[in-house]
Amino acid sequence: MIRFEQVSKRLGGAVVLDAIDYEIDANETFVIVGASGAGKSVSLKHMVRLLTPDSGRVLIGDDCVSAARGQELDRIRNRFGFLFQSAALLQWLTVADNVGLPLRMKTNMTDAEIDRRVREKLDMVNLADAFDKQPADLSGGMRKRVGLARAIINDPEIILYDEPTSGLDPVTSRTIDRLIDRLRSELGVTSVVVTHDLHSALAIGTRIAMLHDGKIVELSEPQEFVKSENKFVKGFLEAQYITTQGDWDNAEAS
């Protein structure tokens, strides 16, 4: 579904990605973790060609997005939905207008058709009663869910999540985790999640990749990730008080 082939990128003179290779399968939730500045968000931006590799290439299915231009690039980008870290809602628009904005910009749908689609997507993120509200009237978690409704309004094949639980309390964060997992199951989408939150990564990830100094130092399923002997992975786990005695380990023995 998504393939990085020897992708390298320098920003401000620093190597951010160093000959990265990996492949994301269809309908999985692939989670990228790492310290600030490790290249997590840079990886997401390469998938939709907001950044272009200095060398190597990025493929979305059979499409080489890193070489695409014009209408070809637009077509590839339409395969994606994107949930921004801040939700990126326009404060002067209602929730309905925020969610429906991509349809008004890119389609010839009637207002009635757009309203129907918006209500459908808001219902999917458990916000059916927020249709006429303003973003300022919503909690941080609700704004994230509005942003997610907008991300799925065009029925994308792939959803990119940039720090979906950032700034949220633990209870709300787990609500977002369950929603990400449910949408993957119900919509059959491929999910790519960038996060610092290892509790979230372990809960929703089918595989977890850790970036450090421009390299992937670990790429494994959650139950193996927590057992990694890599010193950077172990340090990251210990910093969030995660040990091999969590539920993900117990599940293997059951």
Protein backbone atom coordinates (compact mmCIF):
# COMPACT_ATOMS: atom_id res chain seq x y z
CA MET A 1 0.00 0.00 0.00
CA ILE A 2 2.71 2.52 1.04
CA ARG A 3 6.39 1.86 0.36
CA PHE A 4 9.49 3.87 1.25
CA GLU A 5 12.50 2.89 -0.83
CA GLN A 6 15.86 4.24 0.39
CA VAL A 7 14.27 7.59 1.28
CA SER A 8 16.68 10.25 2.54
CA LYS A 9 15.93 13.85 3.54
CA ARG A 10 17.98 16.68 4.99
CA LEU A 11 16.36 19.74 6.56
CA GLY A 12 18.37 22.74 7.73
CA GLY A 13 21.56 20.82 7.06
CA ALA A 14 20.57 17.94 9.36
CA VAL A 15 19.81 14.40 8.21
CA VAL A 16 16.20 13.68 9.16
CA LEU A 17 15.65 10.49 7.15
CA ASP A 18 18.63 8.33 6.23
CA ALA A 19 17.95 5.75 3.49
CA ILE A 20 14.68 4.62 5.09
CA ASP A 21 13.04 1.42 3.82
CA TYR A 22 9.66 0.07 4.93
CA GLU A 23 6.30 -1.04 3.58
CA ILE A 24 2.84 -0.48 5.07
CA ASP A 25 0.22 -3.08 4.24
CA ALA A 26 -3.38 -2.33 3.32
CA ASN A 27 -5.82 -2.14 6.25
CA GLU A 28 -3.16 -2.06 8.96
CA THR A 29 -2.50 0.60 11.58
CA PHE A 30 1.16 1.45 11.21
CA VAL A 31 2.47 3.60 14.07
CA ILE A 32 5.64 5.71 13.89
CA VAL A 33 7.18 6.72 17.22
CA GLY A 34 10.35 8.50 18.25
CA ALA A 35 11.67 11.58 20.03
CA SER A 36 10.89 15.10 18.85
CA GLY A 37 12.73 15.82 15.63
CA ALA A 38 13.18 12.13 14.80
CA GLY A 39 11.44 12.49 11.44
CA LYS A 40 7.95 11.20 12.26
CA SER A 41 5.95 14.08 10.78
CA VAL A 42 8.50 14.40 7.96
CA SER A 43 7.61 10.82 7.02
CA LEU A 44 3.91 11.67 6.85
CA LYS A 45 4.59 14.71 4.69
CA HIS A 46 6.49 12.55 2.20
CA MET A 47 3.43 10.31 1.80
CA VAL A 48 1.36 13.18 0.40
CA ARG A 49 4.32 14.96 -1.19
CA LEU A 50 4.32 17.99 1.05
CA LEU A 51 8.03 17.11 1.07
CA THR A 52 10.07 15.42 -1.66
CA PRO A 53 12.94 13.01 -0.89
CA ASP A 54 16.49 14.14 -1.60
CA SER A 55 16.96 10.55 -2.81
CA GLY A 56 14.87 7.41 -2.94
CA ARG A 57 11.17 7.26 -3.66
CA VAL A 58 7.75 6.88 -2.01
CA LEU A 59 5.07 4.72 -3.61
CA ILE A 60 1.36 4.63 -2.89
CA GLY A 61 0.30 1.35 -4.44
CA ASP A 62 1.67 1.54 -7.97
CA ASP A 63 1.85 5.35 -7.91
CA CYS A 64 5.19 7.07 -7.27
CA VAL A 65 3.97 10.05 -5.27
CA SER A 66 7.49 11.48 -4.90
CA ALA A 67 7.62 12.04 -8.68
CA ALA A 68 3.98 13.00 -9.29
CA ARG A 69 2.92 16.42 -10.57
CA GLY A 70 -0.27 18.33 -11.29
CA GLN A 71 -3.45 16.29 -11.76
CA GLU A 72 -1.60 13.05 -11.05
CA LEU A 73 -0.51 14.36 -7.65
CA ASP A 74 -4.05 15.61 -6.92
CA ARG A 75 -5.43 12.15 -7.75
CA ILE A 76 -2.98 10.46 -5.37
CA ARG A 77 -3.64 12.97 -2.59
CA ASN A 78 -7.38 12.31 -2.91
CA ARG A 79 -6.67 8.79 -1.67
CA PHE A 80 -5.76 10.28 1.73
CA GLY A 81 -7.50 11.81 4.72
CA PHE A 82 -5.39 13.77 7.21
CA LEU A 83 -6.04 14.48 10.89
CA PHE A 84 -3.82 17.37 11.96
CA GLN A 85 -2.34 17.59 15.45
CA SER A 86 -4.35 20.73 16.26
CA ALA A 87 -7.45 19.47 14.35
CA ALA A 88 -7.01 22.64 12.20
CA LEU A 89 -10.65 23.71 12.37
CA LEU A 90 -11.66 27.11 10.99
CA GLN A 91 -13.04 28.95 14.00
CA TRP A 92 -15.45 31.13 11.99
CA LEU A 93 -17.22 28.10 10.49
CA THR A 94 -19.69 25.75 12.15
CA VAL A 95 -18.80 22.13 12.73
CA ALA A 96 -20.91 21.16 9.71
CA ASP A 97 -19.18 23.69 7.47
CA ASN A 98 -15.74 22.56 8.66
CA VAL A 99 -16.50 18.91 7.95
CA GLY A 100 -18.15 19.63 4.61
CA LEU A 101 -15.47 22.04 3.37
CA PRO A 102 -13.58 19.48 1.22
CA LEU A 103 -16.81 18.55 -0.54
CA ARG A 104 -17.66 22.18 -1.28
CA MET A 105 -14.16 22.80 -2.62
CA LYS A 106 -13.70 19.64 -4.69
CA THR A 107 -17.15 18.38 -5.75
CA ASN A 108 -20.37 19.56 -7.34
CA MET A 109 -22.55 18.06 -4.62
CA THR A 110 -25.70 19.96 -3.66
CA ASP A 111 -26.04 21.46 -0.19
CA ALA A 112 -28.49 18.71 0.73
CA GLU A 113 -26.08 16.00 -0.39
CA ILE A 114 -23.24 17.59 1.56
CA ASP A 115 -25.36 17.92 4.70
CA ARG A 116 -26.34 14.26 4.46
CA ARG A 117 -22.69 13.18 4.11
CA VAL A 118 -21.60 15.46 6.97
CA ARG A 119 -24.25 14.06 9.31
CA GLU A 120 -23.19 10.53 8.38
CA LYS A 121 -19.53 11.19 9.21
CA LEU A 122 -20.30 13.09 12.42
CA ASP A 123 -22.39 10.13 13.52
CA MET A 124 -19.43 7.83 12.86
CA VAL A 125 -17.29 9.84 15.31
CA ASN A 126 -20.13 10.06 17.86
CA LEU A 127 -20.81 13.77 17.34
CA ALA A 128 -24.19 13.76 15.63
CA ASP A 129 -25.48 16.55 17.92
CA ALA A 130 -22.55 18.92 17.13
CA PHE A 131 -23.72 19.75 13.57
CA ASP A 132 -24.57 23.43 14.21
CA LYS A 133 -22.02 24.13 16.95
CA GLN A 134 -18.92 26.32 16.72
CA PRO A 135 -15.44 24.86 17.31
CA ALA A 136 -15.01 27.16 20.33
CA ASP A 137 -17.92 25.37 22.02
CA LEU A 138 -16.19 21.99 21.88
CA SER A 139 -13.64 20.26 24.08
CA GLY A 140 -10.21 19.35 22.73
CA GLY A 141 -11.26 15.74 22.21
CA MET A 142 -14.43 16.77 20.38
CA ARG A 143 -12.44 19.06 18.08
CA LYS A 144 -10.15 16.15 17.23
CA ARG A 145 -13.21 14.07 16.35
CA VAL A 146 -14.57 16.86 14.14
CA GLY A 147 -11.19 16.92 12.40
CA LEU A 148 -11.45 13.17 11.93
CA ALA A 149 -14.95 13.47 10.46
CA ARG A 150 -13.53 15.94 7.94
CA ALA A 151 -10.62 13.56 7.21
CA ILE A 152 -13.05 10.77 6.22
CA ILE A 153 -15.60 12.93 4.38
CA ASN A 154 -14.24 11.83 0.98
CA ASP A 155 -14.08 8.14 1.93
CA PRO A 156 -10.27 7.91 1.71
CA GLU A 157 -8.28 4.70 1.38
CA ILE A 158 -5.62 5.93 3.83
CA ILE A 159 -5.88 8.13 6.94
CA LEU A 160 -2.81 9.90 8.30
CA TYR A 161 -2.89 10.88 11.98
CA ASP A 162 -0.40 13.45 13.30
CA GLU A 163 -0.26 13.15 17.11
CA PRO A 164 -4.00 12.33 17.46
CA THR A 165 -3.89 12.18 21.29
CA SER A 166 -1.63 15.20 21.83
CA GLY A 167 -2.95 17.55 24.52
CA LEU A 168 -5.72 15.19 25.60
CA ASP A 169 -6.28 13.61 29.01
CA PRO A 170 -5.76 9.83 29.29
CA VAL A 171 -9.48 8.97 29.20
CA THR A 172 -10.11 11.08 26.09
CA SER A 173 -6.93 9.71 24.50
CA ARG A 174 -8.19 6.16 24.85
CA THR A 175 -11.53 7.24 23.33
CA ILE A 176 -9.63 8.51 20.28
CA ASP A 177 -7.68 5.22 20.15
CA ARG A 178 -10.88 3.18 20.08
CA LEU A 179 -12.28 5.44 17.36
CA ILE A 180 -9.17 5.01 15.19
CA ASP A 181 -9.40 1.26 15.59
CA ARG A 182 -13.14 1.19 14.85
CA LEU A 183 -12.80 3.30 11.70
CA ARG A 184 -10.07 1.02 10.38
CA SER A 185 -12.37 -1.96 10.90
CA GLU A 186 -15.60 -0.36 9.60
CA LEU A 187 -14.15 1.59 6.67
CA GLY A 188 -11.38 -0.82 5.73
CA VAL A 189 -8.85 2.03 5.65
CA THR A 190 -5.11 1.92 6.09
CA SER A 191 -4.05 4.05 9.07
CA VAL A 192 -0.66 5.68 9.63
CA VAL A 193 -0.24 7.22 13.07
CA VAL A 194 2.58 9.46 14.29
CA THR A 195 2.64 9.75 18.07
CA HIS A 196 4.74 10.20 21.22
CA ASP A 197 2.09 8.26 23.16
CA LEU A 198 3.34 4.69 23.45
CA HIS A 199 0.22 3.61 25.36
CA SER A 200 -1.76 4.62 22.28
CA ALA A 201 0.75 3.01 19.90
CA LEU A 202 0.59 -0.32 21.73
CA ALA A 203 -3.21 -0.23 21.90
CA ILE A 204 -3.94 0.43 18.22
CA GLY A 205 -0.83 -0.47 16.24
CA THR A 206 -0.60 -3.59 14.12
CA ARG A 207 3.10 -2.71 13.82
CA ILE A 208 5.25 -0.01 15.42
CA ALA A 209 8.32 1.60 13.87
CA MET A 210 10.73 3.67 15.96
CA LEU A 211 12.85 6.35 14.31
CA HIS A 212 16.15 7.47 15.82
CA ASP A 213 18.85 9.55 14.13
CA GLY A 214 17.16 9.15 10.77
CA LYS A 215 17.04 5.34 10.94
CA ILE A 216 14.38 2.82 11.86
CA VAL A 217 15.85 1.09 14.91
CA GLU A 218 12.85 -1.15 15.58
CA LEU A 219 9.92 -2.35 13.47
CA SER A 220 7.73 -4.98 15.07
CA GLU A 221 4.31 -5.91 16.38
CA PRO A 222 3.37 -4.42 19.80
CA GLN A 223 4.07 -7.61 21.79
CA GLU A 224 7.57 -7.78 20.34
CA PHE A 225 8.16 -4.04 20.52
CA VAL A 226 7.87 -4.02 24.32
CA LYS A 227 10.49 -6.78 24.49
CA SER A 228 13.00 -5.03 22.24
CA GLU A 229 16.61 -5.07 23.37
CA ASN A 230 17.41 -1.88 21.42
CA LYS A 231 18.61 0.69 23.94
CA PHE A 232 16.68 3.57 22.36
CA VAL A 233 13.43 1.60 22.37
CA LYS A 234 13.99 0.49 25.96
CA GLY A 235 14.65 4.07 27.02
CA PHE A 236 11.49 5.27 25.30
CA LEU A 237 9.42 2.55 26.97
CA GLU A 238 10.89 3.16 30.41
CA ALA A 239 10.27 6.90 30.12
CA GLN A 240 6.54 6.13 29.84
CA TYR A 241 6.64 3.49 32.60
CA ILE A 242 5.89 0.64 30.20
CA THR A 243 7.26 -2.83 30.91
CA THR A 244 6.73 -6.27 29.36
CA GLN A 245 4.15 -6.98 32.08
CA GLY A 246 1.36 -5.01 30.39
CA ASP A 247 -1.85 -6.39 28.90
CA TRP A 248 -0.17 -6.73 25.51
CA ASP A 249 2.19 -9.28 27.05
CA ASN A 250 -0.56 -11.12 28.93
CA ALA A 251 -2.58 -11.46 25.72
CA GLU A 252 0.18 -13.56 24.21
CA ALA A 253 -0.01 -16.08 27.02
CA SER A 254 -3.83 -16.39 26.96
